[in-house]
Amino acid sequence: MSPQQTSPKVKRRTVLQVLLSIPALALFREHAVPAAEPPADEFVEINGWILKRSDLA
């Protein structure tokens, strides 16, 4: 294979751009959709007692 047919090397500028963009990913994580709350009638175990979650409120 000639050198022109091999895959291109990663440039230093590309590596720096990727490294600098990593902290920006934390901003997207903060705006993620929050997890849905469990249903009100879900059963939970507390100190060996099995109760409905609605009974705890």
PDB file of N, CA and C in Angstrom:
ATOM      1  N   MET A   1       0.827  -1.193   0.000  1.00  0.00           N
ATOM      2  CA  MET A   1       0.000   0.000   0.000  1.00  0.00           C
ATOM      3  C   MET A   1       0.865   1.247   0.000  1.00  0.00           C
ATOM      4  N   SER A   2       0.438   2.213  -0.744  1.00  0.00           N
ATOM      5  CA  SER A   2       1.164   3.476  -0.732  1.00  0.00           C
ATOM      6  C   SER A   2       0.698   4.291   0.474  1.00  0.00           C
ATOM      7  N   PRO A   3       1.495   5.237   0.925  1.00  0.00           N
ATOM      8  CA  PRO A   3       1.118   6.032   2.100  1.00  0.00           C
ATOM      9  C   PRO A   3      -0.192   6.794   1.919  1.00  0.00           C
ATOM     10  N   GLN A   4      -0.590   7.091   0.701  1.00  0.00           N
ATOM     11  CA  GLN A   4      -1.817   7.858   0.486  1.00  0.00           C
ATOM     12  C   GLN A   4      -3.061   7.010   0.691  1.00  0.00           C
ATOM     13  N   GLN A   5      -2.942   5.679   0.641  1.00  0.00           N
ATOM     14  CA  GLN A   5      -4.106   4.822   0.782  1.00  0.00           C
ATOM     15  C   GLN A   5      -4.349   4.390   2.224  1.00  0.00           C
ATOM     16  N   THR A   6      -3.440   4.670   3.116  1.00  0.00           N
ATOM     17  CA  THR A   6      -3.640   4.316   4.517  1.00  0.00           C
ATOM     18  C   THR A   6      -4.597   5.314   5.161  1.00  0.00           C
ATOM     19  N   SER A   7      -5.121   4.952   6.309  1.00  0.00           N
ATOM     20  CA  SER A   7      -6.055   5.857   6.990  1.00  0.00           C
ATOM     21  C   SER A   7      -5.302   7.100   7.467  1.00  0.00           C
ATOM     22  N   PRO A   8      -5.944   8.247   7.442  1.00  0.00           N
ATOM     23  CA  PRO A   8      -5.264   9.474   7.838  1.00  0.00           C
ATOM     24  C   PRO A   8      -4.969   9.476   9.348  1.00  0.00           C
ATOM     25  N   LYS A   9      -3.874  10.065   9.709  1.00  0.00           N
ATOM     26  CA  LYS A   9      -3.503  10.148  11.118  1.00  0.00           C
ATOM     27  C   LYS A   9      -4.348  11.220  11.798  1.00  0.00           C
ATOM     28  N   VAL A  10      -4.553  11.055  13.067  1.00  0.00           N
ATOM     29  CA  VAL A  10      -5.312  12.036  13.837  1.00  0.00           C
ATOM     30  C   VAL A  10      -4.403  13.243  14.055  1.00  0.00           C
ATOM     31  N   LYS A  11      -4.916  14.400  13.743  1.00  0.00           N
ATOM     32  CA  LYS A  11      -4.115  15.613  13.880  1.00  0.00           C
ATOM     33  C   LYS A  11      -4.170  16.124  15.317  1.00  0.00           C
ATOM     34  N   ARG A  12      -3.153  16.829  15.690  1.00  0.00           N
ATOM     35  CA  ARG A  12      -3.048  17.382  17.033  1.00  0.00           C
ATOM     36  C   ARG A  12      -4.210  18.330  17.321  1.00  0.00           C
ATOM     37  N   ARG A  13      -4.609  19.104  16.341  1.00  0.00           N
ATOM     38  CA  ARG A  13      -5.721  20.049  16.508  1.00  0.00           C
ATOM     39  C   ARG A  13      -7.016  19.310  16.826  1.00  0.00           C
ATOM     40  N   THR A  14      -7.252  18.177  16.155  1.00  0.00           N
ATOM     41  CA  THR A  14      -8.464  17.391  16.393  1.00  0.00           C
ATOM     42  C   THR A  14      -8.476  16.841  17.812  1.00  0.00           C
ATOM     43  N   VAL A  15      -7.342  16.343  18.267  1.00  0.00           N
ATOM     44  CA  VAL A  15      -7.247  15.812  19.623  1.00  0.00           C
ATOM     45  C   VAL A  15      -7.522  16.918  20.642  1.00  0.00           C
ATOM     46  N   LEU A  16      -6.956  18.085  20.426  1.00  0.00           N
ATOM     47  CA  LEU A  16      -7.182  19.196  21.356  1.00  0.00           C
ATOM     48  C   LEU A  16      -8.642  19.634  21.364  1.00  0.00           C
ATOM     49  N   GLN A  17      -9.282  19.657  20.208  1.00  0.00           N
ATOM     50  CA  GLN A  17     -10.695  20.029  20.153  1.00  0.00           C
ATOM     51  C   GLN A  17     -11.559  19.042  20.918  1.00  0.00           C
ATOM     52  N   VAL A  18     -11.249  17.771  20.799  1.00  0.00           N
ATOM     53  CA  VAL A  18     -12.011  16.751  21.522  1.00  0.00           C
ATOM     54  C   VAL A  18     -11.798  16.899  23.023  1.00  0.00           C
ATOM     55  N   LEU A  19     -10.553  17.083  23.440  1.00  0.00           N
ATOM     56  CA  LEU A  19     -10.269  17.218  24.869  1.00  0.00           C
ATOM     57  C   LEU A  19     -10.918  18.463  25.460  1.00  0.00           C
ATOM     58  N   LEU A  20     -10.971  19.539  24.706  1.00  0.00           N
ATOM     59  CA  LEU A  20     -11.581  20.766  25.207  1.00  0.00           C
ATOM     60  C   LEU A  20     -13.104  20.702  25.203  1.00  0.00           C
ATOM     61  N   SER A  21     -13.680  19.833  24.389  1.00  0.00           N
ATOM     62  CA  SER A  21     -15.141  19.741  24.335  1.00  0.00           C
ATOM     63  C   SER A  21     -15.710  18.806  25.401  1.00  0.00           C
ATOM     64  N   ILE A  22     -14.881  18.012  26.045  1.00  0.00           N
ATOM     65  CA  ILE A  22     -15.374  17.071  27.057  1.00  0.00           C
ATOM     66  C   ILE A  22     -16.094  17.784  28.206  1.00  0.00           C
ATOM     67  N   PRO A  23     -15.578  18.879  28.777  1.00  0.00           N
ATOM     68  CA  PRO A  23     -16.322  19.548  29.850  1.00  0.00           C
ATOM     69  C   PRO A  23     -17.692  20.070  29.397  1.00  0.00           C
ATOM     70  N   ALA A  24     -17.856  20.360  28.127  1.00  0.00           N
ATOM     71  CA  ALA A  24     -19.144  20.841  27.637  1.00  0.00           C
ATOM     72  C   ALA A  24     -20.199  19.746  27.697  1.00  0.00           C
ATOM     73  N   LEU A  25     -19.794  18.486  27.689  1.00  0.00           N
ATOM     74  CA  LEU A  25     -20.753  17.391  27.775  1.00  0.00           C
ATOM     75  C   LEU A  25     -21.493  17.398  29.113  1.00  0.00           C
ATOM     76  N   ALA A  26     -20.872  17.932  30.155  1.00  0.00           N
ATOM     77  CA  ALA A  26     -21.532  18.006  31.462  1.00  0.00           C
ATOM     78  C   ALA A  26     -22.753  18.917  31.400  1.00  0.00           C
ATOM     79  N   LEU A  27     -22.729  19.922  30.551  1.00  0.00           N
ATOM     80  CA  LEU A  27     -23.883  20.809  30.411  1.00  0.00           C
ATOM     81  C   LEU A  27     -25.081  20.067  29.850  1.00  0.00           C
ATOM     82  N   PHE A  28     -24.843  19.168  28.909  1.00  0.00           N
ATOM     83  CA  PHE A  28     -25.934  18.396  28.339  1.00  0.00           C
ATOM     84  C   PHE A  28     -26.503  17.406  29.345  1.00  0.00           C
ATOM     85  N   ARG A  29     -25.657  16.891  30.222  1.00  0.00           N
ATOM     86  CA  ARG A  29     -26.103  15.930  31.225  1.00  0.00           C
ATOM     87  C   ARG A  29     -27.057  16.599  32.217  1.00  0.00           C
ATOM     88  N   GLU A  30     -26.829  17.877  32.550  1.00  0.00           N
ATOM     89  CA  GLU A  30     -27.694  18.590  33.485  1.00  0.00           C
ATOM     90  C   GLU A  30     -29.082  18.802  32.905  1.00  0.00           C
ATOM     91  N   HIS A  31     -29.189  18.908  31.593  1.00  0.00           N
ATOM     92  CA  HIS A  31     -30.481  19.161  30.961  1.00  0.00           C
ATOM     93  C   HIS A  31     -31.167  17.879  30.516  1.00  0.00           C
ATOM     94  N   ALA A  32     -30.664  16.746  30.969  1.00  0.00           N
ATOM     95  CA  ALA A  32     -31.273  15.471  30.587  1.00  0.00           C
ATOM     96  C   ALA A  32     -32.651  15.346  31.231  1.00  0.00           C
ATOM     97  N   VAL A  33     -33.484  14.543  30.641  1.00  0.00           N
ATOM     98  CA  VAL A  33     -34.834  14.333  31.163  1.00  0.00           C
ATOM     99  C   VAL A  33     -34.734  13.572  32.484  1.00  0.00           C
ATOM    100  N   PRO A  34     -35.337  14.089  33.557  1.00  0.00           N
ATOM    101  CA  PRO A  34     -35.265  13.388  34.839  1.00  0.00           C
ATOM    102  C   PRO A  34     -36.045  12.074  34.790  1.00  0.00           C
ATOM    103  N   ALA A  35     -35.658  11.157  35.634  1.00  0.00           N
ATOM    104  CA  ALA A  35     -36.336   9.862  35.687  1.00  0.00           C
ATOM    105  C   ALA A  35     -37.751  10.051  36.213  1.00  0.00           C
ATOM    106  N   ALA A  36     -38.657   9.256  35.702  1.00  0.00           N
ATOM    107  CA  ALA A  36     -40.052   9.340  36.129  1.00  0.00           C
ATOM    108  C   ALA A  36     -40.172   8.855  37.571  1.00  0.00           C
ATOM    109  N   GLU A  37     -41.084   9.464  38.313  1.00  0.00           N
ATOM    110  CA  GLU A  37     -41.298   9.048  39.691  1.00  0.00           C
ATOM    111  C   GLU A  37     -42.008   7.700  39.700  1.00  0.00           C
ATOM    112  N   PRO A  38     -41.734   6.878  40.702  1.00  0.00           N
ATOM    113  CA  PRO A  38     -42.418   5.585  40.761  1.00  0.00           C
ATOM    114  C   PRO A  38     -43.911   5.783  41.035  1.00  0.00           C
ATOM    115  N   PRO A  39     -44.719   4.837  40.654  1.00  0.00           N
ATOM    116  CA  PRO A  39     -46.156   4.965  40.902  1.00  0.00           C
ATOM    117  C   PRO A  39     -46.450   5.094  42.393  1.00  0.00           C
ATOM    118  N   ALA A  40     -47.539   5.750  42.731  1.00  0.00           N
ATOM    119  CA  ALA A  40     -47.878   6.021  44.131  1.00  0.00           C
ATOM    120  C   ALA A  40     -48.182   4.744  44.904  1.00  0.00           C
ATOM    121  N   ASP A  41     -48.630   3.686  44.244  1.00  0.00           N
ATOM    122  CA  ASP A  41     -49.014   2.465  44.956  1.00  0.00           C
ATOM    123  C   ASP A  41     -47.921   1.406  44.955  1.00  0.00           C
ATOM    124  N   GLU A  42     -46.699   1.799  44.698  1.00  0.00           N
ATOM    125  CA  GLU A  42     -45.601   0.843  44.688  1.00  0.00           C
ATOM    126  C   GLU A  42     -45.360   0.332  46.107  1.00  0.00           C
ATOM    127  N   PHE A  43     -45.034  -0.945  46.229  1.00  0.00           N
ATOM    128  CA  PHE A  43     -44.742  -1.533  47.528  1.00  0.00           C
ATOM    129  C   PHE A  43     -43.263  -1.351  47.840  1.00  0.00           C
ATOM    130  N   VAL A  44     -42.967  -0.991  49.090  1.00  0.00           N
ATOM    131  CA  VAL A  44     -41.585  -0.833  49.533  1.00  0.00           C
ATOM    132  C   VAL A  44     -41.414  -1.570  50.856  1.00  0.00           C
ATOM    133  N   GLU A  45     -40.168  -1.963  51.128  1.00  0.00           N
ATOM    134  CA  GLU A  45     -39.873  -2.636  52.394  1.00  0.00           C
ATOM    135  C   GLU A  45     -39.054  -1.696  53.255  1.00  0.00           C
ATOM    136  N   ILE A  46     -39.545  -1.455  54.464  1.00  0.00           N
ATOM    137  CA  ILE A  46     -38.849  -0.574  55.400  1.00  0.00           C
ATOM    138  C   ILE A  46     -38.769  -1.289  56.734  1.00  0.00           C
ATOM    139  N   ASN A  47     -37.557  -1.556  57.191  1.00  0.00           N
ATOM    140  CA  ASN A  47     -37.307  -2.254  58.454  1.00  0.00           C
ATOM    141  C   ASN A  47     -38.103  -3.550  58.556  1.00  0.00           C
ATOM    142  N   GLY A  48     -38.192  -4.294  57.470  1.00  0.00           N
ATOM    143  CA  GLY A  48     -38.886  -5.562  57.466  1.00  0.00           C
ATOM    144  C   GLY A  48     -40.381  -5.461  57.233  1.00  0.00           C
ATOM    145  N   TRP A  49     -40.926  -4.266  57.169  1.00  0.00           N
ATOM    146  CA  TRP A  49     -42.351  -4.061  56.922  1.00  0.00           C
ATOM    147  C   TRP A  49     -42.562  -3.784  55.438  1.00  0.00           C
ATOM    148  N   ILE A  50     -43.578  -4.397  54.861  1.00  0.00           N
ATOM    149  CA  ILE A  50     -43.918  -4.158  53.464  1.00  0.00           C
ATOM    150  C   ILE A  50     -45.105  -3.198  53.454  1.00  0.00           C
ATOM    151  N   LEU A  51     -44.875  -2.016  52.900  1.00  0.00           N
ATOM    152  CA  LEU A  51     -45.877  -0.954  52.928  1.00  0.00           C
ATOM    153  C   LEU A  51     -46.091  -0.406  51.516  1.00  0.00           C
ATOM    154  N   LYS A  52     -47.242   0.229  51.327  1.00  0.00           N
ATOM    155  CA  LYS A  52     -47.455   0.969  50.092  1.00  0.00           C
ATOM    156  C   LYS A  52     -46.759   2.313  50.228  1.00  0.00           C
ATOM    157  N   ARG A  53     -46.202   2.786  49.128  1.00  0.00           N
ATOM    158  CA  ARG A  53     -45.521   4.079  49.166  1.00  0.00           C
ATOM    159  C   ARG A  53     -46.503   5.191  49.529  1.00  0.00           C
ATOM    160  N   SER A  54     -47.768   5.047  49.116  1.00  0.00           N
ATOM    161  CA  SER A  54     -48.769   6.081  49.405  1.00  0.00           C
ATOM    162  C   SER A  54     -49.057   6.151  50.909  1.00  0.00           C
ATOM    163  N   ASP A  55     -48.832   5.056  51.654  1.00  0.00           N
ATOM    164  CA  ASP A  55     -49.046   5.070  53.101  1.00  0.00           C
ATOM    165  C   ASP A  55     -47.968   5.861  53.831  1.00  0.00           C
ATOM    166  N   LEU A  56     -46.821   6.046  53.195  1.00  0.00           N
ATOM    167  CA  LEU A  56     -45.706   6.742  53.846  1.00  0.00           C
ATOM    168  C   LEU A  56     -45.846   8.253  53.771  1.00  0.00           C
ATOM    169  N   ALA A  57     -46.602   8.747  52.838  1.00  0.00           N
ATOM    170  CA  ALA A  57     -46.696  10.197  52.642  1.00  0.00           C
ATOM    171  C   ALA A  57     -47.640  10.846  53.633  1.00  0.00           C
TER     172      ALA A  57
END
